[in-house]
Amino acid sequence: VDYHSIMESGGCAIMGLTKVSKFSDKFSLSEAVKKNLEKTLLAGGFDLTSSKVAGCIAVGGRRLMGGAKGLQDNIDYSFDVLSEITGKATIHRGIYEDGRESLRVYTIIGGLSSPTERLEELRSHMTVQVR
C-alpha cells in the first residue's frame, strides 16, 4: 500500500540506495539519506519540497540492528530529516532486518514537479533534436 501510494502520486519520482558505513553518528546517517537523493541521474533541478509522498527504509543485519548503540534513534533522525527536505510530503518509514551485516537505506520520492531546467539542459546535449 505504501509503495502503491507513492507510484500513484503523479508527477515525477526519484529513487536512491546507499550503503551506510558510519551509522553511529546521527548526522552521518542523515547525510547519507540526503546524498542518496542527490546522486540520481536526473535529480538535479527537482524541487524536493514539491513532493507529495516519500518512502524511506533502513535494512540491516540482525546482529547489526540489535547491537549498534543508538542506531534506532539515528535512523529515526534520518527519517525526520527526509521529512524536512520534502516539505509537507507524507513519509512512509520502515526498518527491516535481513541476513546481511551492512546497513542500507532505500529512498523513493514521488509526486515531484517536473525539473524543467534540468530537462532543457539534457536536451541541449542531444545530437538529434526531439520535438
Protein backbone atom coordinates (compact mmCIF):
# COMPACT_ATOMS: atom_id res chain seq x y z
CA VAL A 1 0.00 0.00 0.00
CA ASP A 2 2.79 2.47 0.86
CA TYR A 3 4.71 1.86 -2.38
CA HIS A 4 1.47 1.97 -4.35
CA SER A 5 0.58 5.38 -2.91
CA ILE A 6 3.97 6.73 -4.00
CA MET A 7 3.59 5.37 -7.53
CA GLU A 8 0.05 6.74 -7.77
CA SER A 9 1.01 10.22 -6.51
CA GLY A 10 1.59 11.52 -10.05
CA GLY A 11 4.39 13.72 -11.27
CA CYS A 12 7.98 12.54 -11.29
CA ALA A 13 9.73 10.19 -8.89
CA ILE A 14 13.34 9.65 -7.85
CA MET A 15 14.82 6.68 -6.06
CA GLY A 16 18.09 6.02 -4.34
CA LEU A 17 20.03 3.38 -2.47
CA THR A 18 23.06 3.92 -0.32
CA LYS A 19 25.14 1.68 1.89
CA VAL A 20 25.88 3.41 5.19
CA SER A 21 29.17 2.64 6.91
CA LYS A 22 29.11 5.38 9.58
CA PHE A 23 25.80 4.83 11.34
CA SER A 24 26.85 5.52 14.94
CA ASP A 25 26.55 9.26 14.29
CA LYS A 26 23.03 10.53 13.54
CA PHE A 27 24.38 13.26 11.27
CA SER A 28 26.32 10.77 9.11
CA LEU A 29 23.21 8.66 8.62
CA SER A 30 21.01 11.65 7.75
CA GLU A 31 23.69 12.95 5.34
CA ALA A 32 23.65 9.54 3.64
CA VAL A 33 19.89 9.92 3.11
CA LYS A 34 20.39 13.39 1.58
CA LYS A 35 23.22 12.26 -0.71
CA ASN A 36 21.13 9.25 -1.68
CA LEU A 37 18.75 11.66 -3.42
CA GLU A 38 21.44 13.87 -4.94
CA LYS A 39 23.26 11.10 -6.79
CA THR A 40 20.38 10.00 -9.02
CA LEU A 41 20.81 10.80 -12.73
CA LEU A 42 18.03 13.35 -13.13
CA ALA A 43 17.88 14.56 -9.53
CA GLY A 44 19.36 17.91 -10.45
CA GLY A 45 16.64 20.50 -10.75
CA PHE A 46 13.98 18.74 -8.72
CA ASP A 47 12.28 20.81 -6.07
CA LEU A 48 12.03 18.17 -3.34
CA THR A 49 9.56 20.32 -1.42
CA SER A 50 7.08 19.74 -4.26
CA SER A 51 6.85 16.04 -3.42
CA LYS A 52 3.58 14.61 -2.22
CA VAL A 53 4.67 11.21 -0.87
CA ALA A 54 8.00 9.61 0.02
CA GLY A 55 9.27 6.37 1.45
CA CYS A 56 12.46 5.50 3.26
CA ILE A 57 13.52 2.15 4.63
CA ALA A 58 16.62 1.10 6.51
CA VAL A 59 17.68 -2.53 6.13
CA GLY A 60 20.43 -4.14 8.18
CA GLY A 61 21.63 -7.43 9.57
CA ARG A 62 20.13 -8.79 12.78
CA ARG A 63 23.35 -8.51 14.79
CA LEU A 64 24.00 -5.02 13.47
CA MET A 65 20.46 -3.80 14.17
CA GLY A 66 20.41 -5.31 17.64
CA GLY A 67 23.92 -4.38 18.70
CA ALA A 68 24.66 -0.88 17.40
CA LYS A 69 24.08 1.55 20.25
CA GLY A 70 21.75 4.41 19.32
CA LEU A 71 21.05 3.07 15.83
CA GLN A 72 17.26 3.27 16.19
CA ASP A 73 17.48 6.94 17.23
CA ASN A 74 19.85 7.71 14.35
CA ILE A 75 17.52 6.05 11.83
CA ASP A 76 14.56 7.96 13.26
CA TYR A 77 16.53 11.20 12.94
CA SER A 78 17.30 10.47 9.28
CA PHE A 79 13.56 9.91 8.68
CA ASP A 80 12.90 13.31 10.29
CA VAL A 81 15.49 14.95 8.02
CA LEU A 82 13.80 13.42 4.97
CA SER A 83 10.52 14.86 6.22
CA GLU A 84 12.11 18.32 6.42
CA ILE A 85 13.64 18.01 2.94
CA THR A 86 10.32 17.07 1.34
CA GLY A 87 8.22 19.77 2.98
CA LYS A 88 4.73 18.55 3.69
CA ALA A 89 5.01 15.15 1.98
CA THR A 90 3.61 12.04 3.62
CA ILE A 91 6.61 9.90 4.63
CA HIS A 92 6.31 6.10 4.76
CA ARG A 93 9.02 4.70 7.05
CA GLY A 94 10.34 1.22 7.65
CA ILE A 95 13.12 -0.61 9.44
CA TYR A 96 13.86 -4.20 8.42
CA GLU A 97 16.36 -6.90 9.31
CA ASP A 98 17.98 -9.35 6.92
CA GLY A 99 20.96 -11.69 6.85
CA ARG A 100 23.50 -9.18 5.52
CA GLU A 101 25.72 -7.40 8.02
CA SER A 102 25.52 -3.96 6.46
CA LEU A 103 23.11 -1.05 6.70
CA ARG A 104 21.39 0.11 3.53
CA VAL A 105 18.95 2.96 3.09
CA TYR A 106 16.43 2.93 0.24
CA THR A 107 14.59 6.13 -0.60
CA ILE A 108 11.82 6.97 -3.06
CA ILE A 109 10.13 10.34 -3.50
CA GLY A 110 7.02 10.72 -5.65
CA GLY A 111 4.67 13.42 -6.84
CA LEU A 112 7.51 15.76 -7.77
CA SER A 113 7.13 18.68 -10.15
CA SER A 114 8.97 18.26 -13.45
CA PRO A 115 12.60 19.51 -13.39
CA THR A 116 12.14 21.74 -16.44
CA GLU A 117 15.58 23.38 -16.35
CA ARG A 118 17.38 20.02 -15.99
CA LEU A 119 15.39 18.53 -18.88
CA GLU A 120 16.29 21.50 -21.08
CA GLU A 121 19.95 21.06 -20.13
CA LEU A 122 19.82 17.38 -21.08
CA ARG A 123 18.05 18.23 -24.33
CA SER A 124 20.86 20.65 -25.24
CA HIS A 125 23.32 17.73 -25.12
CA MET A 126 21.35 15.63 -27.59
CA THR A 127 22.75 15.21 -31.10
CA VAL A 128 19.28 14.69 -32.57
CA GLN A 129 16.64 17.25 -31.66
CA VAL A 130 13.38 15.83 -30.31
CA ARG A 131 10.19 17.85 -30.69
